[in-house]
Amino acid sequence: MKRGLLLVAHGARNPAWAAPFERLRERLQHEQPDRAVALAFLELMEPAPAQALQQLAAAGVGRVEVLPMFLGGAGHVQRDLAPLLDTARTSLGIDIQVHAALGEQAAMLDAMTQLCLRLLEAGEAP
């Protein structure tokens, strides 16, 4: 079964906002050439998650892992994303696994902590 990864970000009016997410998608695709890697947005940008999932299914992907690119998972992830994914599971007949929001991942919290500490250290006067 072909596997895919769907990164889901919030979206913004300014197209430049998406650049870091697009770079991440490109890096992941480079590292995982046998996996379809897609990026979708909940608001203001395209593709929407439903569109991205349709494209993945049309490409023969049968299992999609979804990584919400949010610091927390309570608001948009539970309220907006979860129902969309439930609908896609039924309508597209694909297996969808949702991971915890990026900011709730222990490795991300560790990385953010280390970055903050390095920035604080670098900002101290000698």
PDB file of N, CA and C in Angstrom:
ATOM      1  N   MET A   1       0.853  -1.185   0.000  1.00  0.00           N
ATOM      2  CA  MET A   1       0.000   0.000   0.000  1.00  0.00           C
ATOM      3  C   MET A   1       0.893   1.240   0.000  1.00  0.00           C
ATOM      4  N   LYS A   2       0.595   2.144  -0.909  1.00  0.00           N
ATOM      5  CA  LYS A   2       1.357   3.395  -0.988  1.00  0.00           C
ATOM      6  C   LYS A   2       0.986   4.287   0.190  1.00  0.00           C
ATOM      7  N   ARG A   3       2.012   4.890   0.800  1.00  0.00           N
ATOM      8  CA  ARG A   3       1.793   5.724   1.984  1.00  0.00           C
ATOM      9  C   ARG A   3       2.039   7.179   1.658  1.00  0.00           C
ATOM     10  N   GLY A   4       1.357   8.044   2.402  1.00  0.00           N
ATOM     11  CA  GLY A   4       1.518   9.476   2.207  1.00  0.00           C
ATOM     12  C   GLY A   4       1.581  10.212   3.528  1.00  0.00           C
ATOM     13  N   LEU A   5       2.045  11.434   3.451  1.00  0.00           N
ATOM     14  CA  LEU A   5       2.107  12.327   4.605  1.00  0.00           C
ATOM     15  C   LEU A   5       1.435  13.628   4.203  1.00  0.00           C
ATOM     16  N   LEU A   6       0.534  14.087   5.039  1.00  0.00           N
ATOM     17  CA  LEU A   6      -0.141  15.360   4.803  1.00  0.00           C
ATOM     18  C   LEU A   6       0.172  16.298   5.955  1.00  0.00           C
ATOM     19  N   LEU A   7       0.851  17.393   5.637  1.00  0.00           N
ATOM     20  CA  LEU A   7       1.106  18.454   6.600  1.00  0.00           C
ATOM     21  C   LEU A   7      -0.054  19.430   6.492  1.00  0.00           C
ATOM     22  N   VAL A   8      -0.655  19.776   7.616  1.00  0.00           N
ATOM     23  CA  VAL A   8      -1.785  20.708   7.597  1.00  0.00           C
ATOM     24  C   VAL A   8      -1.431  21.921   8.444  1.00  0.00           C
ATOM     25  N   ALA A   9      -1.399  23.083   7.784  1.00  0.00           N
ATOM     26  CA  ALA A   9      -1.098  24.345   8.459  1.00  0.00           C
ATOM     27  C   ALA A   9      -2.348  25.222   8.455  1.00  0.00           C
ATOM     28  N   HIS A  10      -2.277  26.311   9.162  1.00  0.00           N
ATOM     29  CA  HIS A  10      -3.431  27.193   9.292  1.00  0.00           C
ATOM     30  C   HIS A  10      -3.777  27.890   7.983  1.00  0.00           C
ATOM     31  N   GLY A  11      -2.827  28.608   7.414  1.00  0.00           N
ATOM     32  CA  GLY A  11      -3.065  29.419   6.224  1.00  0.00           C
ATOM     33  C   GLY A  11      -3.049  30.893   6.588  1.00  0.00           C
ATOM     34  N   ALA A  12      -2.802  31.743   5.595  1.00  0.00           N
ATOM     35  CA  ALA A  12      -2.733  33.183   5.824  1.00  0.00           C
ATOM     36  C   ALA A  12      -3.029  33.907   4.521  1.00  0.00           C
ATOM     37  N   ARG A  13      -3.299  35.191   4.626  1.00  0.00           N
ATOM     38  CA  ARG A  13      -3.568  35.989   3.428  1.00  0.00           C
ATOM     39  C   ARG A  13      -2.300  36.232   2.601  1.00  0.00           C
ATOM     40  N   ASN A  14      -1.170  36.358   3.266  1.00  0.00           N
ATOM     41  CA  ASN A  14       0.092  36.624   2.591  1.00  0.00           C
ATOM     42  C   ASN A  14       0.708  35.304   2.125  1.00  0.00           C
ATOM     43  N   PRO A  15       0.868  35.112   0.818  1.00  0.00           N
ATOM     44  CA  PRO A  15       1.421  33.853   0.309  1.00  0.00           C
ATOM     45  C   PRO A  15       2.821  33.534   0.841  1.00  0.00           C
ATOM     46  N   ALA A  16       3.595  34.554   1.197  1.00  0.00           N
ATOM     47  CA  ALA A  16       4.943  34.328   1.721  1.00  0.00           C
ATOM     48  C   ALA A  16       4.915  33.572   3.048  1.00  0.00           C
ATOM     49  N   TRP A  17       3.811  33.650   3.759  1.00  0.00           N
ATOM     50  CA  TRP A  17       3.690  32.956   5.042  1.00  0.00           C
ATOM     51  C   TRP A  17       3.900  31.454   4.885  1.00  0.00           C
ATOM     52  N   ALA A  18       3.512  30.906   3.752  1.00  0.00           N
ATOM     53  CA  ALA A  18       3.575  29.455   3.539  1.00  0.00           C
ATOM     54  C   ALA A  18       4.972  28.953   3.188  1.00  0.00           C
ATOM     55  N   ALA A  19       5.902  29.842   2.900  1.00  0.00           N
ATOM     56  CA  ALA A  19       7.229  29.433   2.423  1.00  0.00           C
ATOM     57  C   ALA A  19       7.934  28.427   3.342  1.00  0.00           C
ATOM     58  N   PRO A  20       7.967  28.614   4.664  1.00  0.00           N
ATOM     59  CA  PRO A  20       8.646  27.621   5.504  1.00  0.00           C
ATOM     60  C   PRO A  20       7.979  26.244   5.444  1.00  0.00           C
ATOM     61  N   PHE A  21       6.667  26.230   5.324  1.00  0.00           N
ATOM     62  CA  PHE A  21       5.952  24.958   5.239  1.00  0.00           C
ATOM     63  C   PHE A  21       6.235  24.272   3.906  1.00  0.00           C
ATOM     64  N   GLU A  22       6.336  25.055   2.846  1.00  0.00           N
ATOM     65  CA  GLU A  22       6.663  24.493   1.533  1.00  0.00           C
ATOM     66  C   GLU A  22       8.080  23.923   1.526  1.00  0.00           C
ATOM     67  N   ARG A  23       9.014  24.639   2.173  1.00  0.00           N
ATOM     68  CA  ARG A  23      10.385  24.125   2.268  1.00  0.00           C
ATOM     69  C   ARG A  23      10.417  22.818   3.059  1.00  0.00           C
ATOM     70  N   LEU A  24       9.648  22.747   4.132  1.00  0.00           N
ATOM     71  CA  LEU A  24       9.578  21.517   4.914  1.00  0.00           C
ATOM     72  C   LEU A  24       9.024  20.382   4.069  1.00  0.00           C
ATOM     73  N   ARG A  25       7.962  20.651   3.316  1.00  0.00           N
ATOM     74  CA  ARG A  25       7.381  19.620   2.464  1.00  0.00           C
ATOM     75  C   ARG A  25       8.409  19.122   1.447  1.00  0.00           C
ATOM     76  N   GLU A  26       9.159  20.037   0.848  1.00  0.00           N
ATOM     77  CA  GLU A  26      10.185  19.665  -0.135  1.00  0.00           C
ATOM     78  C   GLU A  26      11.279  18.814   0.509  1.00  0.00           C
ATOM     79  N   ARG A  27      11.719  19.206   1.692  1.00  0.00           N
ATOM     80  CA  ARG A  27      12.754  18.435   2.392  1.00  0.00           C
ATOM     81  C   ARG A  27      12.269  17.024   2.714  1.00  0.00           C
ATOM     82  N   LEU A  28      11.038  16.941   3.213  1.00  0.00           N
ATOM     83  CA  LEU A  28      10.489  15.627   3.539  1.00  0.00           C
ATOM     84  C   LEU A  28      10.360  14.765   2.294  1.00  0.00           C
ATOM     85  N   GLN A  29       9.903  15.348   1.195  1.00  0.00           N
ATOM     86  CA  GLN A  29       9.763  14.587  -0.050  1.00  0.00           C
ATOM     87  C   GLN A  29      11.126  14.102  -0.528  1.00  0.00           C
ATOM     88  N   HIS A  30      12.143  14.947  -0.374  1.00  0.00           N
ATOM     89  CA  HIS A  30      13.502  14.556  -0.752  1.00  0.00           C
ATOM     90  C   HIS A  30      13.990  13.388   0.105  1.00  0.00           C
ATOM     91  N   GLU A  31      13.710  13.441   1.401  1.00  0.00           N
ATOM     92  CA  GLU A  31      14.149  12.392   2.326  1.00  0.00           C
ATOM     93  C   GLU A  31      13.341  11.115   2.195  1.00  0.00           C
ATOM     94  N   GLN A  32      12.092  11.240   1.734  1.00  0.00           N
ATOM     95  CA  GLN A  32      11.192  10.096   1.614  1.00  0.00           C
ATOM     96  C   GLN A  32      10.627  10.028   0.185  1.00  0.00           C
ATOM     97  N   PRO A  33      11.462   9.746  -0.806  1.00  0.00           N
ATOM     98  CA  PRO A  33      11.002   9.815  -2.196  1.00  0.00           C
ATOM     99  C   PRO A  33       9.901   8.813  -2.540  1.00  0.00           C
ATOM    100  N   ASP A  34       9.772   7.739  -1.775  1.00  0.00           N
ATOM    101  CA  ASP A  34       8.730   6.747  -2.061  1.00  0.00           C
ATOM    102  C   ASP A  34       7.397   7.080  -1.407  1.00  0.00           C
ATOM    103  N   ARG A  35       7.365   8.149  -0.629  1.00  0.00           N
ATOM    104  CA  ARG A  35       6.151   8.552   0.071  1.00  0.00           C
ATOM    105  C   ARG A  35       5.640   9.843  -0.563  1.00  0.00           C
ATOM    106  N   ALA A  36       4.347   9.922  -0.778  1.00  0.00           N
ATOM    107  CA  ALA A  36       3.750  11.169  -1.284  1.00  0.00           C
ATOM    108  C   ALA A  36       3.632  12.141  -0.120  1.00  0.00           C
ATOM    109  N   VAL A  37       4.204  13.331  -0.262  1.00  0.00           N
ATOM    110  CA  VAL A  37       4.155  14.338   0.795  1.00  0.00           C
ATOM    111  C   VAL A  37       3.384  15.540   0.264  1.00  0.00           C
ATOM    112  N   ALA A  38       2.331  15.915   0.978  1.00  0.00           N
ATOM    113  CA  ALA A  38       1.474  17.028   0.547  1.00  0.00           C
ATOM    114  C   ALA A  38       1.343  18.041   1.677  1.00  0.00           C
ATOM    115  N   LEU A  39       0.966  19.248   1.297  1.00  0.00           N
ATOM    116  CA  LEU A  39       0.753  20.345   2.235  1.00  0.00           C
ATOM    117  C   LEU A  39      -0.632  20.916   1.974  1.00  0.00           C
ATOM    118  N   ALA A  40      -1.383  21.141   3.046  1.00  0.00           N
ATOM    119  CA  ALA A  40      -2.726  21.714   2.920  1.00  0.00           C
ATOM    120  C   ALA A  40      -2.915  22.772   3.995  1.00  0.00           C
ATOM    121  N   PHE A  41      -3.955  23.593   3.797  1.00  0.00           N
ATOM    122  CA  PHE A  41      -4.220  24.707   4.702  1.00  0.00           C
ATOM    123  C   PHE A  41      -5.688  24.710   5.116  1.00  0.00           C
ATOM    124  N   LEU A  42      -5.927  24.993   6.386  1.00  0.00           N
ATOM    125  CA  LEU A  42      -7.302  25.040   6.877  1.00  0.00           C
ATOM    126  C   LEU A  42      -8.059  26.264   6.390  1.00  0.00           C
ATOM    127  N   GLU A  43      -7.361  27.389   6.246  1.00  0.00           N
ATOM    128  CA  GLU A  43      -8.037  28.636   5.882  1.00  0.00           C
ATOM    129  C   GLU A  43      -7.183  29.457   4.918  1.00  0.00           C
ATOM    130  N   LEU A  44      -7.836  30.227   4.093  1.00  0.00           N
ATOM    131  CA  LEU A  44      -7.246  31.306   3.308  1.00  0.00           C
ATOM    132  C   LEU A  44      -6.285  30.894   2.194  1.00  0.00           C
ATOM    133  N   MET A  45      -5.867  29.648   2.146  1.00  0.00           N
ATOM    134  CA  MET A  45      -4.928  29.182   1.127  1.00  0.00           C
ATOM    135  C   MET A  45      -5.392  27.829   0.615  1.00  0.00           C
ATOM    136  N   GLU A  46      -4.840  27.457  -0.513  1.00  0.00           N
ATOM    137  CA  GLU A  46      -5.165  26.151  -1.087  1.00  0.00           C
ATOM    138  C   GLU A  46      -3.885  25.357  -1.296  1.00  0.00           C
ATOM    139  N   PRO A  47      -4.030  24.039  -1.296  1.00  0.00           N
ATOM    140  CA  PRO A  47      -5.269  23.295  -1.239  1.00  0.00           C
ATOM    141  C   PRO A  47      -5.783  23.151   0.186  1.00  0.00           C
ATOM    142  N   ALA A  48      -7.058  22.932   0.293  1.00  0.00           N
ATOM    143  CA  ALA A  48      -7.677  22.586   1.567  1.00  0.00           C
ATOM    144  C   ALA A  48      -7.345  21.118   1.856  1.00  0.00           C
ATOM    145  N   PRO A  49      -7.451  20.685   3.111  1.00  0.00           N
ATOM    146  CA  PRO A  49      -7.147  19.281   3.421  1.00  0.00           C
ATOM    147  C   PRO A  49      -7.949  18.283   2.581  1.00  0.00           C
ATOM    148  N   ALA A  50      -9.229  18.557   2.357  1.00  0.00           N
ATOM    149  CA  ALA A  50     -10.041  17.631   1.563  1.00  0.00           C
ATOM    150  C   ALA A  50      -9.498  17.504   0.143  1.00  0.00           C
ATOM    151  N   GLN A  51      -9.084  18.628  -0.448  1.00  0.00           N
ATOM    152  CA  GLN A  51      -8.518  18.595  -1.802  1.00  0.00           C
ATOM    153  C   GLN A  51      -7.208  17.809  -1.828  1.00  0.00           C
ATOM    154  N   ALA A  52      -6.351  18.061  -0.859  1.00  0.00           N
ATOM    155  CA  ALA A  52      -5.063  17.364  -0.806  1.00  0.00           C
ATOM    156  C   ALA A  52      -5.265  15.866  -0.621  1.00  0.00           C
ATOM    157  N   LEU A  53      -6.216  15.490   0.225  1.00  0.00           N
ATOM    158  CA  LEU A  53      -6.493  14.066   0.431  1.00  0.00           C
ATOM    159  C   LEU A  53      -7.050  13.420  -0.839  1.00  0.00           C
ATOM    160  N   GLN A  54      -7.894  14.139  -1.571  1.00  0.00           N
ATOM    161  CA  GLN A  54      -8.409  13.617  -2.842  1.00  0.00           C
ATOM    162  C   GLN A  54      -7.260  13.392  -3.820  1.00  0.00           C
ATOM    163  N   GLN A  55      -6.317  14.336  -3.863  1.00  0.00           N
ATOM    164  CA  GLN A  55      -5.166  14.199  -4.759  1.00  0.00           C
ATOM    165  C   GLN A  55      -4.296  13.015  -4.359  1.00  0.00           C
ATOM    166  N   LEU A  56      -4.093  12.830  -3.065  1.00  0.00           N
ATOM    167  CA  LEU A  56      -3.304  11.694  -2.602  1.00  0.00           C
ATOM    168  C   LEU A  56      -3.994  10.379  -2.954  1.00  0.00           C
ATOM    169  N   ALA A  57      -5.296  10.307  -2.715  1.00  0.00           N
ATOM    170  CA  ALA A  57      -6.046   9.084  -3.041  1.00  0.00           C
ATOM    171  C   ALA A  57      -5.994   8.804  -4.544  1.00  0.00           C
ATOM    172  N   ALA A  58      -6.124   9.849  -5.357  1.00  0.00           N
ATOM    173  CA  ALA A  58      -6.069   9.691  -6.814  1.00  0.00           C
ATOM    174  C   ALA A  58      -4.694   9.204  -7.273  1.00  0.00           C
ATOM    175  N   ALA A  59      -3.658   9.508  -6.484  1.00  0.00           N
ATOM    176  CA  ALA A  59      -2.302   9.065  -6.800  1.00  0.00           C
ATOM    177  C   ALA A  59      -2.032   7.653  -6.288  1.00  0.00           C
ATOM    178  N   GLY A  60      -3.057   7.010  -5.740  1.00  0.00           N
ATOM    179  CA  GLY A  60      -2.914   5.634  -5.278  1.00  0.00           C
ATOM    180  C   GLY A  60      -2.472   5.473  -3.845  1.00  0.00           C
ATOM    181  N   VAL A  61      -2.505   6.554  -3.091  1.00  0.00           N
ATOM    182  CA  VAL A  61      -2.128   6.478  -1.675  1.00  0.00           C
ATOM    183  C   VAL A  61      -3.293   5.864  -0.898  1.00  0.00           C
ATOM    184  N   GLY A  62      -3.001   4.834  -0.122  1.00  0.00           N
ATOM    185  CA  GLY A  62      -4.041   4.165   0.655  1.00  0.00           C
ATOM    186  C   GLY A  62      -3.976   4.441   2.139  1.00  0.00           C
ATOM    187  N   ARG A  63      -2.831   4.967   2.585  1.00  0.00           N
ATOM    188  CA  ARG A  63      -2.659   5.303   4.007  1.00  0.00           C
ATOM    189  C   ARG A  63      -1.986   6.662   4.093  1.00  0.00           C
ATOM    190  N   VAL A  64      -2.613   7.571   4.836  1.00  0.00           N
ATOM    191  CA  VAL A  64      -2.079   8.928   4.986  1.00  0.00           C
ATOM    192  C   VAL A  64      -1.872   9.223   6.466  1.00  0.00           C
ATOM    193  N   GLU A  65      -0.686   9.683   6.779  1.00  0.00           N
ATOM    194  CA  GLU A  65      -0.409  10.170   8.124  1.00  0.00           C
ATOM    195  C   GLU A  65      -0.530  11.684   8.070  1.00  0.00           C
ATOM    196  N   VAL A  66      -1.285  12.243   8.988  1.00  0.00           N
ATOM    197  CA  VAL A  66      -1.543  13.679   9.016  1.00  0.00           C
ATOM    198  C   VAL A  66      -0.790  14.281  10.192  1.00  0.00           C
ATOM    199  N   LEU A  67      -0.003  15.317   9.899  1.00  0.00           N
ATOM    200  CA  LEU A  67       0.711  16.029  10.950  1.00  0.00           C
ATOM    201  C   LEU A  67       0.219  17.466  10.984  1.00  0.00           C
ATOM    202  N   PRO A  68      -0.584  17.813  11.994  1.00  0.00           N
ATOM    203  CA  PRO A  68      -1.037  19.208  12.135  1.00  0.00           C
ATOM    204  C   PRO A  68       0.138  20.093  12.520  1.00  0.00           C
ATOM    205  N   MET A  69       0.379  21.110  11.716  1.00  0.00           N
ATOM    206  CA  MET A  69       1.500  22.019  11.918  1.00  0.00           C
ATOM    207  C   MET A  69       1.073  23.186  12.815  1.00  0.00           C
ATOM    208  N   PHE A  70       0.604  22.844  14.000  1.00  0.00           N
ATOM    209  CA  PHE A  70       0.101  23.813  14.975  1.00  0.00           C
ATOM    210  C   PHE A  70       0.866  23.624  16.273  1.00  0.00           C
ATOM    211  N   LEU A  71       0.972  24.698  17.055  1.00  0.00           N
ATOM    212  CA  LEU A  71       1.631  24.568  18.352  1.00  0.00           C
ATOM    213  C   LEU A  71       0.752  23.827  19.353  1.00  0.00           C
ATOM    214  N   GLY A  72      -0.547  23.944  19.224  1.00  0.00           N
ATOM    215  CA  GLY A  72      -1.474  23.243  20.092  1.00  0.00           C
ATOM    216  C   GLY A  72      -2.518  22.525  19.268  1.00  0.00           C
ATOM    217  N   GLY A  73      -3.144  21.547  19.882  1.00  0.00           N
ATOM    218  CA  GLY A  73      -4.094  20.742  19.135  1.00  0.00           C
ATOM    219  C   GLY A  73      -5.540  20.902  19.532  1.00  0.00           C
ATOM    220  N   ALA A  74      -5.846  21.855  20.396  1.00  0.00           N
ATOM    221  CA  ALA A  74      -7.219  21.952  20.887  1.00  0.00           C
ATOM    222  C   ALA A  74      -8.162  22.647  19.914  1.00  0.00           C
ATOM    223  N   GLY A  75      -7.807  23.796  19.396  1.00  0.00           N
ATOM    224  CA  GLY A  75      -8.724  24.595  18.584  1.00  0.00           C
ATOM    225  C   GLY A  75      -8.997  24.018  17.209  1.00  0.00           C
ATOM    226  N   HIS A  76      -8.245  24.486  16.223  1.00  0.00           N
ATOM    227  CA  HIS A  76      -8.480  24.085  14.835  1.00  0.00           C
ATOM    228  C   HIS A  76      -8.337  22.584  14.618  1.00  0.00           C
ATOM    229  N   VAL A  77      -7.410  21.960  15.299  1.00  0.00           N
ATOM    230  CA  VAL A  77      -7.159  20.543  15.064  1.00  0.00           C
ATOM    231  C   VAL A  77      -8.381  19.712  15.452  1.00  0.00           C
ATOM    232  N   GLN A  78      -8.939  19.955  16.606  1.00  0.00           N
ATOM    233  CA  GLN A  78     -10.107  19.186  17.050  1.00  0.00           C
ATOM    234  C   GLN A  78     -11.396  19.669  16.407  1.00  0.00           C
ATOM    235  N   ARG A  79     -11.565  20.971  16.334  1.00  0.00           N
ATOM    236  CA  ARG A  79     -12.836  21.529  15.871  1.00  0.00           C
ATOM    237  C   ARG A  79     -12.996  21.479  14.359  1.00  0.00           C
ATOM    238  N   ASP A  80     -11.920  21.783  13.623  1.00  0.00           N
ATOM    239  CA  ASP A  80     -12.020  21.907  12.170  1.00  0.00           C
ATOM    240  C   ASP A  80     -11.426  20.728  11.410  1.00  0.00           C
ATOM    241  N   LEU A  81     -10.241  20.302  11.796  1.00  0.00           N
ATOM    242  CA  LEU A  81      -9.560  19.256  11.044  1.00  0.00           C
ATOM    243  C   LEU A  81     -10.169  17.878  11.261  1.00  0.00           C
ATOM    244  N   ALA A  82     -10.475  17.530  12.495  1.00  0.00           N
ATOM    245  CA  ALA A  82     -10.989  16.180  12.787  1.00  0.00           C
ATOM    246  C   ALA A  82     -12.227  15.822  11.959  1.00  0.00           C
ATOM    247  N   PRO A  83     -13.246  16.696  11.869  1.00  0.00           N
ATOM    248  CA  PRO A  83     -14.409  16.339  11.047  1.00  0.00           C
ATOM    249  C   PRO A  83     -14.081  16.185   9.564  1.00  0.00           C
ATOM    250  N   LEU A  84     -13.170  16.996   9.056  1.00  0.00           N
ATOM    251  CA  LEU A  84     -12.755  16.874   7.657  1.00  0.00           C
ATOM    252  C   LEU A  84     -12.117  15.510   7.397  1.00  0.00           C
ATOM    253  N   LEU A  85     -11.294  15.082   8.327  1.00  0.00           N
ATOM    254  CA  LEU A  85     -10.620  13.797   8.169  1.00  0.00           C
ATOM    255  C   LEU A  85     -11.593  12.643   8.286  1.00  0.00           C
ATOM    256  N   ASP A  86     -12.565  12.761   9.179  1.00  0.00           N
ATOM    257  CA  ASP A  86     -13.594  11.719   9.295  1.00  0.00           C
ATOM    258  C   ASP A  86     -14.367  11.573   7.987  1.00  0.00           C
ATOM    259  N   THR A  87     -14.725  12.683   7.385  1.00  0.00           N
ATOM    260  CA  THR A  87     -15.439  12.661   6.110  1.00  0.00           C
ATOM    261  C   THR A  87     -14.582  12.025   5.026  1.00  0.00           C
ATOM    262  N   ALA A  88     -13.301  12.382   4.992  1.00  0.00           N
ATOM    263  CA  ALA A  88     -12.391  11.838   3.972  1.00  0.00           C
ATOM    264  C   ALA A  88     -12.213  10.329   4.134  1.00  0.00           C
ATOM    265  N   ARG A  89     -12.130   9.860   5.363  1.00  0.00           N
ATOM    266  CA  ARG A  89     -12.000   8.417   5.595  1.00  0.00           C
ATOM    267  C   ARG A  89     -13.155   7.672   4.938  1.00  0.00           C
ATOM    268  N   THR A  90     -14.349   8.203   5.130  1.00  0.00           N
ATOM    269  CA  THR A  90     -15.544   7.561   4.603  1.00  0.00           C
ATOM    270  C   THR A  90     -15.651   7.714   3.092  1.00  0.00           C
ATOM    271  N   SER A  91     -15.494   8.929   2.600  1.00  0.00           N
ATOM    272  CA  SER A  91     -15.724   9.183   1.177  1.00  0.00           C
ATOM    273  C   SER A  91     -14.609   8.657   0.282  1.00  0.00           C
ATOM    274  N   LEU A  92     -13.368   8.667   0.762  1.00  0.00           N
ATOM    275  CA  LEU A  92     -12.249   8.246  -0.072  1.00  0.00           C
ATOM    276  C   LEU A  92     -11.803   6.816   0.195  1.00  0.00           C
ATOM    277  N   GLY A  93     -12.238   6.263   1.331  1.00  0.00           N
ATOM    278  CA  GLY A  93     -11.872   4.892   1.661  1.00  0.00           C
ATOM    279  C   GLY A  93     -10.385   4.702   1.914  1.00  0.00           C
ATOM    280  N   ILE A  94      -9.746   5.718   2.477  1.00  0.00           N
ATOM    281  CA  ILE A  94      -8.324   5.599   2.797  1.00  0.00           C
ATOM    282  C   ILE A  94      -8.132   5.583   4.308  1.00  0.00           C
ATOM    283  N   ASP A  95      -7.035   4.987   4.710  1.00  0.00           N
ATOM    284  CA  ASP A  95      -6.681   4.930   6.125  1.00  0.00           C
ATOM    285  C   ASP A  95      -5.970   6.240   6.479  1.00  0.00           C
ATOM    286  N   ILE A  96      -6.460   6.928   7.481  1.00  0.00           N
ATOM    287  CA  ILE A  96      -5.877   8.204   7.898  1.00  0.00           C
ATOM    288  C   ILE A  96      -5.510   8.124   9.371  1.00  0.00           C
ATOM    289  N   GLN A  97      -4.245   8.354   9.656  1.00  0.00           N
ATOM    290  CA  GLN A  97      -3.768   8.402  11.035  1.00  0.00           C
ATOM    291  C   GLN A  97      -3.369   9.832  11.336  1.00  0.00           C
ATOM    292  N   VAL A  98      -3.858  10.379  12.433  1.00  0.00           N
ATOM    293  CA  VAL A  98      -3.561  11.759  12.809  1.00  0.00           C
ATOM    294  C   VAL A  98      -2.591  11.762  13.987  1.00  0.00           C
ATOM    295  N   HIS A  99      -1.510  12.472  13.819  1.00  0.00           N
ATOM    296  CA  HIS A  99      -0.542  12.627  14.896  1.00  0.00           C
ATOM    297  C   HIS A  99      -0.913  13.849  15.734  1.00  0.00           C
ATOM    298  N   ALA A 100      -0.373  13.931  16.923  1.00  0.00           N
ATOM    299  CA  ALA A 100      -0.571  15.107  17.771  1.00  0.00           C
ATOM    300  C   ALA A 100       0.017  16.325  17.066  1.00  0.00           C
ATOM    301  N   ALA A 101      -0.525  17.484  17.379  1.00  0.00           N
ATOM    302  CA  ALA A 101      -0.022  18.733  16.797  1.00  0.00           C
ATOM    303  C   ALA A 101       1.486  18.845  17.020  1.00  0.00           C
ATOM    304  N   LEU A 102       2.146  19.485  16.097  1.00  0.00           N
ATOM    305  CA  LEU A 102       3.598  19.606  16.126  1.00  0.00           C
ATOM    306  C   LEU A 102       4.111  20.132  17.472  1.00  0.00           C
ATOM    307  N   GLY A 103       3.473  21.165  18.003  1.00  0.00           N
ATOM    308  CA  GLY A 103       3.909  21.761  19.257  1.00  0.00           C
ATOM    309  C   GLY A 103       3.674  20.894  20.478  1.00  0.00           C
ATOM    310  N   GLU A 104       2.917  19.823  20.304  1.00  0.00           N
ATOM    311  CA  GLU A 104       2.672  18.907  21.415  1.00  0.00           C
ATOM    312  C   GLU A 104       3.614  17.699  21.381  1.00  0.00           C
ATOM    313  N   GLN A 105       4.463  17.647  20.375  1.00  0.00           N
ATOM    314  CA  GLN A 105       5.431  16.561  20.250  1.00  0.00           C
ATOM    315  C   GLN A 105       6.624  16.865  21.159  1.00  0.00           C
ATOM    316  N   ALA A 106       7.033  15.898  21.954  1.00  0.00           N
ATOM    317  CA  ALA A 106       8.141  16.101  22.892  1.00  0.00           C
ATOM    318  C   ALA A 106       9.414  16.565  22.183  1.00  0.00           C
ATOM    319  N   ALA A 107       9.718  16.004  21.041  1.00  0.00           N
ATOM    320  CA  ALA A 107      10.934  16.392  20.320  1.00  0.00           C
ATOM    321  C   ALA A 107      10.872  17.852  19.878  1.00  0.00           C
ATOM    322  N   MET A 108       9.692  18.322  19.510  1.00  0.00           N
ATOM    323  CA  MET A 108       9.561  19.726  19.099  1.00  0.00           C
ATOM    324  C   MET A 108       9.711  20.644  20.298  1.00  0.00           C
ATOM    325  N   LEU A 109       9.130  20.277  21.422  1.00  0.00           N
ATOM    326  CA  LEU A 109       9.288  21.088  22.630  1.00  0.00           C
ATOM    327  C   LEU A 109      10.755  21.161  23.046  1.00  0.00           C
ATOM    328  N   ASP A 110      11.459  20.030  22.930  1.00  0.00           N
ATOM    329  CA  ASP A 110      12.895  20.025  23.235  1.00  0.00           C
ATOM    330  C   ASP A 110      13.645  20.960  22.295  1.00  0.00           C
ATOM    331  N   ALA A 111      13.351  20.882  21.000  1.00  0.00           N
ATOM    332  CA  ALA A 111      14.037  21.724  20.016  1.00  0.00           C
ATOM    333  C   ALA A 111      13.748  23.201  20.257  1.00  0.00           C
ATOM    334  N   MET A 112      12.502  23.533  20.558  1.00  0.00           N
ATOM    335  CA  MET A 112      12.159  24.935  20.807  1.00  0.00           C
ATOM    336  C   MET A 112      12.834  25.447  22.076  1.00  0.00           C
ATOM    337  N   THR A 113      12.903  24.608  23.088  1.00  0.00           N
ATOM    338  CA  THR A 113      13.574  24.994  24.325  1.00  0.00           C
ATOM    339  C   THR A 113      15.046  25.291  24.062  1.00  0.00           C
ATOM    340  N   GLN A 114      15.711  24.397  23.349  1.00  0.00           N
ATOM    341  CA  GLN A 114      17.141  24.586  23.051  1.00  0.00           C
ATOM    342  C   GLN A 114      17.372  25.832  22.211  1.00  0.00           C
ATOM    343  N   LEU A 115      16.511  26.082  21.233  1.00  0.00           N
ATOM    344  CA  LEU A 115      16.652  27.275  20.409  1.00  0.00           C
ATOM    345  C   LEU A 115      16.481  28.534  21.256  1.00  0.00           C
ATOM    346  N   CYS A 116      15.477  28.564  22.103  1.00  0.00           N
ATOM    347  CA  CYS A 116      15.256  29.733  22.970  1.00  0.00           C
ATOM    348  C   CYS A 116      16.464  29.976  23.864  1.00  0.00           C
ATOM    349  N   LEU A 117      16.992  28.909  24.445  1.00  0.00           N
ATOM    350  CA  LEU A 117      18.157  29.062  25.318  1.00  0.00           C
ATOM    351  C   LEU A 117      19.362  29.574  24.546  1.00  0.00           C
ATOM    352  N   ARG A 118      19.599  29.069  23.327  1.00  0.00           N
ATOM    353  CA  ARG A 118      20.724  29.555  22.512  1.00  0.00           C
ATOM    354  C   ARG A 118      20.546  31.019  22.150  1.00  0.00           C
ATOM    355  N   LEU A 119      19.324  31.404  21.806  1.00  0.00           N
ATOM    356  CA  LEU A 119      19.072  32.804  21.461  1.00  0.00           C
ATOM    357  C   LEU A 119      19.281  33.718  22.660  1.00  0.00           C
ATOM    358  N   LEU A 120      18.841  33.259  23.831  1.00  0.00           N
ATOM    359  CA  LEU A 120      19.039  34.063  25.040  1.00  0.00           C
ATOM    360  C   LEU A 120      20.522  34.182  25.358  1.00  0.00           C
ATOM    361  N   GLU A 121      21.249  33.099  25.208  1.00  0.00           N
ATOM    362  CA  GLU A 121      22.690  33.107  25.463  1.00  0.00           C
ATOM    363  C   GLU A 121      23.410  34.035  24.501  1.00  0.00           C
ATOM    364  N   ALA A 122      23.040  33.977  23.236  1.00  0.00           N
ATOM    365  CA  ALA A 122      23.684  34.803  22.212  1.00  0.00           C
ATOM    366  C   ALA A 122      23.367  36.292  22.425  1.00  0.00           C
ATOM    367  N   GLY A 123      22.243  36.580  23.038  1.00  0.00           N
ATOM    368  CA  GLY A 123      21.845  37.967  23.252  1.00  0.00           C
ATOM    369  C   GLY A 123      22.455  38.601  24.485  1.00  0.00           C
ATOM    370  N   GLU A 124      23.117  37.798  25.322  1.00  0.00           N
ATOM    371  CA  GLU A 124      23.724  38.341  26.538  1.00  0.00           C
ATOM    372  C   GLU A 124      24.990  39.129  26.202  1.00  0.00           C
ATOM    373  N   ALA A 125      25.168  40.254  26.878  1.00  0.00           N
ATOM    374  CA  ALA A 125      26.371  41.081  26.677  1.00  0.00           C
ATOM    375  C   ALA A 125      27.563  40.373  27.325  1.00  0.00           C
ATOM    376  N   PRO A 126      28.762  40.494  26.720  1.00  0.00           N
ATOM    377  CA  PRO A 126      29.959  39.834  27.293  1.00  0.00           C
ATOM    378  C   PRO A 126      30.373  40.431  28.616  1.00  0.00           C
TER     379      PRO A 126
END
